[in-house]
Amino acid sequence: MPSRSLEVTVYVPFPLILLAGLLISGAAALIVMRTINRRRDLHDTSRVTISRSATLPPEVAFQVRALLSHGRKIAAVKLVRRSTTLDLKEARSLIERLN
């Protein structure tokens, strides 16, 4: 007895293929934009990077350096803590790095 092969035809509607293509291209665009933003952040020297979650704006960094040049370390730590979400230990270590 000869064996029969069973053929199955799958029909995928065009709108479904279009939707899948849009989702894939949208995900690719998001990945590219994130990469561009990360590279831009790496080359931005106007901000002093504290940690991944906090940065000092340029004007605050200028004020902190001015306070440090006058020997006002405690006032500089207070200014850093007010303008960021850093705790006392992180703010002190930042001041030590800037000093």
PDB file of N, CA and C in Angstrom:
ATOM      1  N   MET A   1       0.826  -1.179   0.000  1.00  0.00           N
ATOM      2  CA  MET A   1       0.000   0.000   0.000  1.00  0.00           C
ATOM      3  C   MET A   1       0.875   1.248   0.000  1.00  0.00           C
ATOM      4  N   PRO A   2       0.665   2.141  -0.911  1.00  0.00           N
ATOM      5  CA  PRO A   2       1.464   3.360  -0.961  1.00  0.00           C
ATOM      6  C   PRO A   2       1.094   4.290   0.202  1.00  0.00           C
ATOM      7  N   SER A   3       2.111   4.978   0.720  1.00  0.00           N
ATOM      8  CA  SER A   3       1.855   5.915   1.831  1.00  0.00           C
ATOM      9  C   SER A   3       1.403   7.253   1.267  1.00  0.00           C
ATOM     10  N   ARG A   4       0.514   7.853   1.971  1.00  0.00           N
ATOM     11  CA  ARG A   4      -0.006   9.150   1.548  1.00  0.00           C
ATOM     12  C   ARG A   4       0.654  10.257   2.367  1.00  0.00           C
ATOM     13  N   SER A   5       0.984  11.296   1.711  1.00  0.00           N
ATOM     14  CA  SER A   5       1.522  12.441   2.460  1.00  0.00           C
ATOM     15  C   SER A   5       0.376  13.427   2.693  1.00  0.00           C
ATOM     16  N   LEU A   6       0.382  13.974   3.875  1.00  0.00           N
ATOM     17  CA  LEU A   6      -0.662  14.901   4.266  1.00  0.00           C
ATOM     18  C   LEU A   6      -0.126  16.317   4.114  1.00  0.00           C
ATOM     19  N   GLU A   7      -0.720  17.103   3.266  1.00  0.00           N
ATOM     20  CA  GLU A   7      -0.291  18.474   3.056  1.00  0.00           C
ATOM     21  C   GLU A   7      -1.235  19.404   3.789  1.00  0.00           C
ATOM     22  N   VAL A   8      -0.620  20.350   4.517  1.00  0.00           N
ATOM     23  CA  VAL A   8      -1.396  21.336   5.257  1.00  0.00           C
ATOM     24  C   VAL A   8      -0.991  22.713   4.757  1.00  0.00           C
ATOM     25  N   THR A   9      -1.955  23.493   4.396  1.00  0.00           N
ATOM     26  CA  THR A   9      -1.694  24.853   3.938  1.00  0.00           C
ATOM     27  C   THR A   9      -2.107  25.808   5.048  1.00  0.00           C
ATOM     28  N   VAL A  10      -1.160  26.682   5.422  1.00  0.00           N
ATOM     29  CA  VAL A  10      -1.429  27.656   6.477  1.00  0.00           C
ATOM     30  C   VAL A  10      -1.625  29.008   5.819  1.00  0.00           C
ATOM     31  N   TYR A  11      -2.712  29.630   6.138  1.00  0.00           N
ATOM     32  CA  TYR A  11      -3.042  30.934   5.594  1.00  0.00           C
ATOM     33  C   TYR A  11      -2.812  31.986   6.672  1.00  0.00           C
ATOM     34  N   VAL A  12      -1.926  32.936   6.419  1.00  0.00           N
ATOM     35  CA  VAL A  12      -1.670  34.038   7.351  1.00  0.00           C
ATOM     36  C   VAL A  12      -2.160  35.320   6.688  1.00  0.00           C
ATOM     37  N   PRO A  13      -3.112  35.986   7.301  1.00  0.00           N
ATOM     38  CA  PRO A  13      -3.659  37.202   6.690  1.00  0.00           C
ATOM     39  C   PRO A  13      -2.607  38.319   6.610  1.00  0.00           C
ATOM     40  N   PHE A  14      -2.692  39.113   5.562  1.00  0.00           N
ATOM     41  CA  PHE A  14      -1.745  40.198   5.323  1.00  0.00           C
ATOM     42  C   PHE A  14      -1.686  41.203   6.474  1.00  0.00           C
ATOM     43  N   PRO A  15      -2.813  41.611   7.065  1.00  0.00           N
ATOM     44  CA  PRO A  15      -2.729  42.564   8.185  1.00  0.00           C
ATOM     45  C   PRO A  15      -1.907  42.016   9.358  1.00  0.00           C
ATOM     46  N   LEU A  16      -1.956  40.724   9.586  1.00  0.00           N
ATOM     47  CA  LEU A  16      -1.168  40.132  10.665  1.00  0.00           C
ATOM     48  C   LEU A  16       0.327  40.212  10.361  1.00  0.00           C
ATOM     49  N   ILE A  17       0.703  39.972   9.126  1.00  0.00           N
ATOM     50  CA  ILE A  17       2.104  40.094   8.711  1.00  0.00           C
ATOM     51  C   ILE A  17       2.554  41.544   8.819  1.00  0.00           C
ATOM     52  N   LEU A  18       1.697  42.469   8.408  1.00  0.00           N
ATOM     53  CA  LEU A  18       2.011  43.887   8.501  1.00  0.00           C
ATOM     54  C   LEU A  18       2.196  44.315   9.947  1.00  0.00           C
ATOM     55  N   LEU A  19       1.329  43.868  10.833  1.00  0.00           N
ATOM     56  CA  LEU A  19       1.424  44.198  12.251  1.00  0.00           C
ATOM     57  C   LEU A  19       2.725  43.657  12.853  1.00  0.00           C
ATOM     58  N   ALA A  20       3.085  42.446  12.516  1.00  0.00           N
ATOM     59  CA  ALA A  20       4.328  41.858  13.021  1.00  0.00           C
ATOM     60  C   ALA A  20       5.528  42.663  12.526  1.00  0.00           C
ATOM     61  N   GLY A  21       5.510  43.078  11.283  1.00  0.00           N
ATOM     62  CA  GLY A  21       6.598  43.894  10.745  1.00  0.00           C
ATOM     63  C   GLY A  21       6.709  45.233  11.445  1.00  0.00           C
ATOM     64  N   LEU A  22       5.572  45.857  11.728  1.00  0.00           N
ATOM     65  CA  LEU A  22       5.585  47.137  12.441  1.00  0.00           C
ATOM     66  C   LEU A  22       6.120  46.980  13.858  1.00  0.00           C
ATOM     67  N   LEU A  23       5.728  45.918  14.527  1.00  0.00           N
ATOM     68  CA  LEU A  23       6.229  45.679  15.889  1.00  0.00           C
ATOM     69  C   LEU A  23       7.734  45.465  15.896  1.00  0.00           C
ATOM     70  N   ILE A  24       8.223  44.701  14.956  1.00  0.00           N
ATOM     71  CA  ILE A  24       9.663  44.439  14.898  1.00  0.00           C
ATOM     72  C   ILE A  24      10.430  45.713  14.565  1.00  0.00           C
ATOM     73  N   SER A  25       9.934  46.497  13.612  1.00  0.00           N
ATOM     74  CA  SER A  25      10.634  47.736  13.264  1.00  0.00           C
ATOM     75  C   SER A  25      10.550  48.757  14.398  1.00  0.00           C
ATOM     76  N   GLY A  26       9.449  48.787  15.132  1.00  0.00           N
ATOM     77  CA  GLY A  26       9.325  49.681  16.286  1.00  0.00           C
ATOM     78  C   GLY A  26      10.307  49.310  17.387  1.00  0.00           C
ATOM     79  N   ALA A  27      10.452  48.011  17.648  1.00  0.00           N
ATOM     80  CA  ALA A  27      11.405  47.560  18.662  1.00  0.00           C
ATOM     81  C   ALA A  27      12.833  47.905  18.244  1.00  0.00           C
ATOM     82  N   ALA A  28      13.144  47.745  16.971  1.00  0.00           N
ATOM     83  CA  ALA A  28      14.481  48.085  16.473  1.00  0.00           C
ATOM     84  C   ALA A  28      14.740  49.582  16.608  1.00  0.00           C
ATOM     85  N   ALA A  29      13.729  50.404  16.334  1.00  0.00           N
ATOM     86  CA  ALA A  29      13.881  51.858  16.466  1.00  0.00           C
ATOM     87  C   ALA A  29      14.133  52.254  17.917  1.00  0.00           C
ATOM     88  N   LEU A  30      13.440  51.619  18.861  1.00  0.00           N
ATOM     89  CA  LEU A  30      13.663  51.907  20.281  1.00  0.00           C
ATOM     90  C   LEU A  30      15.080  51.552  20.700  1.00  0.00           C
ATOM     91  N   ILE A  31      15.576  50.430  20.227  1.00  0.00           N
ATOM     92  CA  ILE A  31      16.937  50.017  20.572  1.00  0.00           C
ATOM     93  C   ILE A  31      17.954  51.020  20.026  1.00  0.00           C
ATOM     94  N   VAL A  32      17.747  51.474  18.804  1.00  0.00           N
ATOM     95  CA  VAL A  32      18.662  52.447  18.205  1.00  0.00           C
ATOM     96  C   VAL A  32      18.615  53.766  18.975  1.00  0.00           C
ATOM     97  N   MET A  33      17.441  54.235  19.344  1.00  0.00           N
ATOM     98  CA  MET A  33      17.317  55.499  20.075  1.00  0.00           C
ATOM     99  C   MET A  33      17.980  55.415  21.441  1.00  0.00           C
ATOM    100  N   ARG A  34      17.821  54.300  22.136  1.00  0.00           N
ATOM    101  CA  ARG A  34      18.478  54.127  23.435  1.00  0.00           C
ATOM    102  C   ARG A  34      19.984  54.162  23.280  1.00  0.00           C
ATOM    103  N   THR A  35      20.501  53.527  22.248  1.00  0.00           N
ATOM    104  CA  THR A  35      21.941  53.516  22.015  1.00  0.00           C
ATOM    105  C   THR A  35      22.450  54.921  21.731  1.00  0.00           C
ATOM    106  N   ILE A  36      21.728  55.675  20.938  1.00  0.00           N
ATOM    107  CA  ILE A  36      22.127  57.053  20.627  1.00  0.00           C
ATOM    108  C   ILE A  36      22.123  57.903  21.892  1.00  0.00           C
ATOM    109  N   ASN A  37      21.081  57.777  22.718  1.00  0.00           N
ATOM    110  CA  ASN A  37      20.997  58.557  23.948  1.00  0.00           C
ATOM    111  C   ASN A  37      22.116  58.194  24.911  1.00  0.00           C
ATOM    112  N   ARG A  38      22.457  56.917  25.030  1.00  0.00           N
ATOM    113  CA  ARG A  38      23.543  56.515  25.926  1.00  0.00           C
ATOM    114  C   ARG A  38      24.867  57.081  25.448  1.00  0.00           C
ATOM    115  N   ARG A  39      25.108  57.041  24.148  1.00  0.00           N
ATOM    116  CA  ARG A  39      26.358  57.605  23.626  1.00  0.00           C
ATOM    117  C   ARG A  39      26.400  59.112  23.841  1.00  0.00           C
ATOM    118  N   ARG A  40      25.277  59.778  23.691  1.00  0.00           N
ATOM    119  CA  ARG A  40      25.218  61.221  23.906  1.00  0.00           C
ATOM    120  C   ARG A  40      25.496  61.534  25.367  1.00  0.00           C
ATOM    121  N   ASP A  41      24.959  60.739  26.289  1.00  0.00           N
ATOM    122  CA  ASP A  41      25.195  60.955  27.709  1.00  0.00           C
ATOM    123  C   ASP A  41      26.661  60.734  28.074  1.00  0.00           C
ATOM    124  N   LEU A  42      27.318  59.792  27.404  1.00  0.00           N
ATOM    125  CA  LEU A  42      28.727  59.537  27.684  1.00  0.00           C
ATOM    126  C   LEU A  42      29.599  60.717  27.277  1.00  0.00           C
ATOM    127  N   HIS A  43      29.196  61.447  26.244  1.00  0.00           N
ATOM    128  CA  HIS A  43      29.997  62.548  25.743  1.00  0.00           C
ATOM    129  C   HIS A  43      29.567  63.895  26.309  1.00  0.00           C
ATOM    130  N   ASP A  44      28.561  63.927  27.172  1.00  0.00           N
ATOM    131  CA  ASP A  44      28.087  65.168  27.761  1.00  0.00           C
ATOM    132  C   ASP A  44      28.983  65.516  28.946  1.00  0.00           C
ATOM    133  N   THR A  45      29.842  66.517  28.791  1.00  0.00           N
ATOM    134  CA  THR A  45      30.768  66.888  29.855  1.00  0.00           C
ATOM    135  C   THR A  45      30.255  68.047  30.686  1.00  0.00           C
ATOM    136  N   SER A  46      29.069  68.544  30.407  1.00  0.00           N
ATOM    137  CA  SER A  46      28.549  69.675  31.164  1.00  0.00           C
ATOM    138  C   SER A  46      28.002  69.252  32.520  1.00  0.00           C
ATOM    139  N   ARG A  47      27.823  67.970  32.725  1.00  0.00           N
ATOM    140  CA  ARG A  47      27.310  67.488  34.007  1.00  0.00           C
ATOM    141  C   ARG A  47      28.362  66.647  34.699  1.00  0.00           C
ATOM    142  N   VAL A  48      28.390  66.737  36.023  1.00  0.00           N
ATOM    143  CA  VAL A  48      29.269  65.902  36.821  1.00  0.00           C
ATOM    144  C   VAL A  48      28.489  64.652  37.181  1.00  0.00           C
ATOM    145  N   THR A  49      28.974  63.490  36.788  1.00  0.00           N
ATOM    146  CA  THR A  49      28.264  62.255  37.061  1.00  0.00           C
ATOM    147  C   THR A  49      28.589  61.780  38.463  1.00  0.00           C
ATOM    148  N   ILE A  50      27.532  61.511  39.215  1.00  0.00           N
ATOM    149  CA  ILE A  50      27.692  61.055  40.586  1.00  0.00           C
ATOM    150  C   ILE A  50      27.560  59.545  40.626  1.00  0.00           C
ATOM    151  N   SER A  51      26.472  59.083  40.101  1.00  0.00           N
ATOM    152  CA  SER A  51      26.205  57.647  40.027  1.00  0.00           C
ATOM    153  C   SER A  51      25.304  57.452  38.828  1.00  0.00           C
ATOM    154  N   ARG A  52      24.825  56.229  38.636  1.00  0.00           N
ATOM    155  CA  ARG A  52      23.936  55.986  37.502  1.00  0.00           C
ATOM    156  C   ARG A  52      22.618  56.745  37.629  1.00  0.00           C
ATOM    157  N   SER A  53      22.203  57.026  38.872  1.00  0.00           N
ATOM    158  CA  SER A  53      20.880  57.608  39.056  1.00  0.00           C
ATOM    159  C   SER A  53      20.888  59.123  39.272  1.00  0.00           C
ATOM    160  N   ALA A  54      22.067  59.734  39.499  1.00  0.00           N
ATOM    161  CA  ALA A  54      22.069  61.151  39.824  1.00  0.00           C
ATOM    162  C   ALA A  54      23.219  61.855  39.118  1.00  0.00           C
ATOM    163  N   THR A  55      22.979  63.097  38.729  1.00  0.00           N
ATOM    164  CA  THR A  55      24.020  63.941  38.162  1.00  0.00           C
ATOM    165  C   THR A  55      23.877  65.329  38.750  1.00  0.00           C
ATOM    166  N   LEU A  56      24.980  66.034  38.836  1.00  0.00           N
ATOM    167  CA  LEU A  56      24.958  67.417  39.292  1.00  0.00           C
ATOM    168  C   LEU A  56      24.810  68.322  38.079  1.00  0.00           C
ATOM    169  N   PRO A  57      23.846  69.214  38.108  1.00  0.00           N
ATOM    170  CA  PRO A  57      23.751  70.186  37.019  1.00  0.00           C
ATOM    171  C   PRO A  57      24.994  71.082  37.023  1.00  0.00           C
ATOM    172  N   PRO A  58      25.359  71.651  35.890  1.00  0.00           N
ATOM    173  CA  PRO A  58      26.588  72.449  35.807  1.00  0.00           C
ATOM    174  C   PRO A  58      26.641  73.615  36.799  1.00  0.00           C
ATOM    175  N   GLU A  59      25.506  74.285  36.997  1.00  0.00           N
ATOM    176  CA  GLU A  59      25.517  75.427  37.915  1.00  0.00           C
ATOM    177  C   GLU A  59      25.744  74.988  39.366  1.00  0.00           C
ATOM    178  N   VAL A  60      25.199  73.825  39.739  1.00  0.00           N
ATOM    179  CA  VAL A  60      25.414  73.310  41.099  1.00  0.00           C
ATOM    180  C   VAL A  60      26.863  72.861  41.257  1.00  0.00           C
ATOM    181  N   ALA A  61      27.422  72.229  40.241  1.00  0.00           N
ATOM    182  CA  ALA A  61      28.823  71.810  40.300  1.00  0.00           C
ATOM    183  C   ALA A  61      29.732  73.028  40.453  1.00  0.00           C
ATOM    184  N   PHE A  62      29.402  74.117  39.765  1.00  0.00           N
ATOM    185  CA  PHE A  62      30.179  75.351  39.891  1.00  0.00           C
ATOM    186  C   PHE A  62      30.096  75.888  41.315  1.00  0.00           C
ATOM    187  N   GLN A  63      28.888  75.895  41.894  1.00  0.00           N
ATOM    188  CA  GLN A  63      28.713  76.386  43.265  1.00  0.00           C
ATOM    189  C   GLN A  63      29.458  75.511  44.265  1.00  0.00           C
ATOM    190  N   VAL A  64      29.425  74.200  44.051  1.00  0.00           N
ATOM    191  CA  VAL A  64      30.122  73.278  44.948  1.00  0.00           C
ATOM    192  C   VAL A  64      31.626  73.539  44.887  1.00  0.00           C
ATOM    193  N   ARG A  65      32.159  73.708  43.690  1.00  0.00           N
ATOM    194  CA  ARG A  65      33.601  73.983  43.563  1.00  0.00           C
ATOM    195  C   ARG A  65      33.967  75.314  44.212  1.00  0.00           C
ATOM    196  N   ALA A  66      33.066  76.300  44.101  1.00  0.00           N
ATOM    197  CA  ALA A  66      33.323  77.595  44.739  1.00  0.00           C
ATOM    198  C   ALA A  66      33.339  77.443  46.258  1.00  0.00           C
ATOM    199  N   LEU A  67      32.391  76.692  46.797  1.00  0.00           N
ATOM    200  CA  LEU A  67      32.365  76.468  48.249  1.00  0.00           C
ATOM    201  C   LEU A  67      33.621  75.733  48.705  1.00  0.00           C
ATOM    202  N   LEU A  68      34.045  74.735  47.940  1.00  0.00           N
ATOM    203  CA  LEU A  68      35.235  73.975  48.303  1.00  0.00           C
ATOM    204  C   LEU A  68      36.490  74.845  48.255  1.00  0.00           C
ATOM    205  N   SER A  69      36.547  75.771  47.301  1.00  0.00           N
ATOM    206  CA  SER A  69      37.726  76.635  47.204  1.00  0.00           C
ATOM    207  C   SER A  69      37.823  77.588  48.397  1.00  0.00           C
ATOM    208  N   HIS A  70      36.680  77.854  49.053  1.00  0.00           N
ATOM    209  CA  HIS A  70      36.673  78.705  50.238  1.00  0.00           C
ATOM    210  C   HIS A  70      36.721  77.882  51.529  1.00  0.00           C
ATOM    211  N   GLY A  71      36.885  76.574  51.401  1.00  0.00           N
ATOM    212  CA  GLY A  71      37.001  75.720  52.590  1.00  0.00           C
ATOM    213  C   GLY A  71      35.685  75.395  53.264  1.00  0.00           C
ATOM    214  N   ARG A  72      34.579  75.570  52.580  1.00  0.00           N
ATOM    215  CA  ARG A  72      33.253  75.331  53.180  1.00  0.00           C
ATOM    216  C   ARG A  72      32.723  73.970  52.740  1.00  0.00           C
ATOM    217  N   LYS A  73      33.361  72.921  53.241  1.00  0.00           N
ATOM    218  CA  LYS A  73      33.039  71.552  52.846  1.00  0.00           C
ATOM    219  C   LYS A  73      31.632  71.138  53.284  1.00  0.00           C
ATOM    220  N   ILE A  74      31.253  71.502  54.491  1.00  0.00           N
ATOM    221  CA  ILE A  74      29.922  71.125  55.012  1.00  0.00           C
ATOM    222  C   ILE A  74      28.821  71.778  54.179  1.00  0.00           C
ATOM    223  N   ALA A  75      29.001  73.039  53.834  1.00  0.00           N
ATOM    224  CA  ALA A  75      28.001  73.730  53.002  1.00  0.00           C
ATOM    225  C   ALA A  75      27.925  73.075  51.619  1.00  0.00           C
ATOM    226  N   ALA A  76      29.067  72.623  51.108  1.00  0.00           N
ATOM    227  CA  ALA A  76      29.075  71.950  49.804  1.00  0.00           C
ATOM    228  C   ALA A  76      28.315  70.628  49.881  1.00  0.00           C
ATOM    229  N   VAL A  77      28.514  69.877  50.958  1.00  0.00           N
ATOM    230  CA  VAL A  77      27.794  68.603  51.133  1.00  0.00           C
ATOM    231  C   VAL A  77      26.298  68.863  51.229  1.00  0.00           C
ATOM    232  N   LYS A  78      25.912  69.895  51.969  1.00  0.00           N
ATOM    233  CA  LYS A  78      24.482  70.232  52.091  1.00  0.00           C
ATOM    234  C   LYS A  78      23.889  70.602  50.738  1.00  0.00           C
ATOM    235  N   LEU A  79      24.632  71.348  49.950  1.00  0.00           N
ATOM    236  CA  LEU A  79      24.148  71.743  48.625  1.00  0.00           C
ATOM    237  C   LEU A  79      23.977  70.526  47.721  1.00  0.00           C
ATOM    238  N   VAL A  80      24.931  69.616  47.771  1.00  0.00           N
ATOM    239  CA  VAL A  80      24.825  68.392  46.964  1.00  0.00           C
ATOM    240  C   VAL A  80      23.620  67.574  47.399  1.00  0.00           C
ATOM    241  N   ARG A  81      23.409  67.439  48.687  1.00  0.00           N
ATOM    242  CA  ARG A  81      22.275  66.645  49.173  1.00  0.00           C
ATOM    243  C   ARG A  81      20.948  67.290  48.810  1.00  0.00           C
ATOM    244  N   ARG A  82      20.885  68.636  48.836  1.00  0.00           N
ATOM    245  CA  ARG A  82      19.642  69.326  48.477  1.00  0.00           C
ATOM    246  C   ARG A  82      19.307  69.178  46.998  1.00  0.00           C
ATOM    247  N   SER A  83      20.328  69.159  46.158  1.00  0.00           N
ATOM    248  CA  SER A  83      20.067  69.147  44.718  1.00  0.00           C
ATOM    249  C   SER A  83      20.073  67.752  44.104  1.00  0.00           C
ATOM    250  N   THR A  84      20.343  66.723  44.902  1.00  0.00           N
ATOM    251  CA  THR A  84      20.311  65.347  44.411  1.00  0.00           C
ATOM    252  C   THR A  84      19.568  64.475  45.412  1.00  0.00           C
ATOM    253  N   THR A  85      19.504  63.197  45.113  1.00  0.00           N
ATOM    254  CA  THR A  85      18.872  62.242  46.036  1.00  0.00           C
ATOM    255  C   THR A  85      19.911  61.430  46.790  1.00  0.00           C
ATOM    256  N   LEU A  86      21.138  61.954  46.874  1.00  0.00           N
ATOM    257  CA  LEU A  86      22.217  61.225  47.526  1.00  0.00           C
ATOM    258  C   LEU A  86      22.089  61.294  49.037  1.00  0.00           C
ATOM    259  N   ASP A  87      22.538  60.235  49.698  1.00  0.00           N
ATOM    260  CA  ASP A  87      22.590  60.272  51.150  1.00  0.00           C
ATOM    261  C   ASP A  87      23.901  60.937  51.579  1.00  0.00           C
ATOM    262  N   LEU A  88      24.111  61.045  52.883  1.00  0.00           N
ATOM    263  CA  LEU A  88      25.265  61.775  53.399  1.00  0.00           C
ATOM    264  C   LEU A  88      26.590  61.150  52.959  1.00  0.00           C
ATOM    265  N   LYS A  89      26.684  59.841  53.018  1.00  0.00           N
ATOM    266  CA  LYS A  89      27.931  59.158  52.668  1.00  0.00           C
ATOM    267  C   LYS A  89      28.277  59.368  51.193  1.00  0.00           C
ATOM    268  N   GLU A  90      27.284  59.235  50.305  1.00  0.00           N
ATOM    269  CA  GLU A  90      27.527  59.426  48.874  1.00  0.00           C
ATOM    270  C   GLU A  90      27.892  60.872  48.556  1.00  0.00           C
ATOM    271  N   ALA A  91      27.218  61.818  49.220  1.00  0.00           N
ATOM    272  CA  ALA A  91      27.515  63.235  48.997  1.00  0.00           C
ATOM    273  C   ALA A  91      28.933  63.561  49.458  1.00  0.00           C
ATOM    274  N   ARG A  92      29.346  63.025  50.605  1.00  0.00           N
ATOM    275  CA  ARG A  92      30.715  63.251  51.097  1.00  0.00           C
ATOM    276  C   ARG A  92      31.751  62.672  50.143  1.00  0.00           C
ATOM    277  N   SER A  93      31.490  61.475  49.608  1.00  0.00           N
ATOM    278  CA  SER A  93      32.454  60.888  48.692  1.00  0.00           C
ATOM    279  C   SER A  93      32.549  61.689  47.395  1.00  0.00           C
ATOM    280  N   LEU A  94      31.432  62.244  46.944  1.00  0.00           N
ATOM    281  CA  LEU A  94      31.455  63.112  45.761  1.00  0.00           C
ATOM    282  C   LEU A  94      32.291  64.359  46.031  1.00  0.00           C
ATOM    283  N   ILE A  95      32.107  64.964  47.195  1.00  0.00           N
ATOM    284  CA  ILE A  95      32.863  66.152  47.560  1.00  0.00           C
ATOM    285  C   ILE A  95      34.355  65.830  47.623  1.00  0.00           C
ATOM    286  N   GLU A  96      34.686  64.662  48.143  1.00  0.00           N
ATOM    287  CA  GLU A  96      36.092  64.257  48.206  1.00  0.00           C
ATOM    288  C   GLU A  96      36.677  64.109  46.802  1.00  0.00           C
ATOM    289  N   ARG A  97      35.895  63.588  45.871  1.00  0.00           N
ATOM    290  CA  ARG A  97      36.382  63.437  44.500  1.00  0.00           C
ATOM    291  C   ARG A  97      36.556  64.776  43.810  1.00  0.00           C
ATOM    292  N   LEU A  98      35.685  65.737  44.114  1.00  0.00           N
ATOM    293  CA  LEU A  98      35.776  67.051  43.496  1.00  0.00           C
ATOM    294  C   LEU A  98      36.866  67.905  44.131  1.00  0.00           C
ATOM    295  N   ASN A  99      37.200  67.628  45.378  1.00  0.00           N
ATOM    296  CA  ASN A  99      38.169  68.440  46.129  1.00  0.00           C
ATOM    297  C   ASN A  99      39.572  68.210  45.698  1.00  0.00           C
TER     298      ASN A  99
END
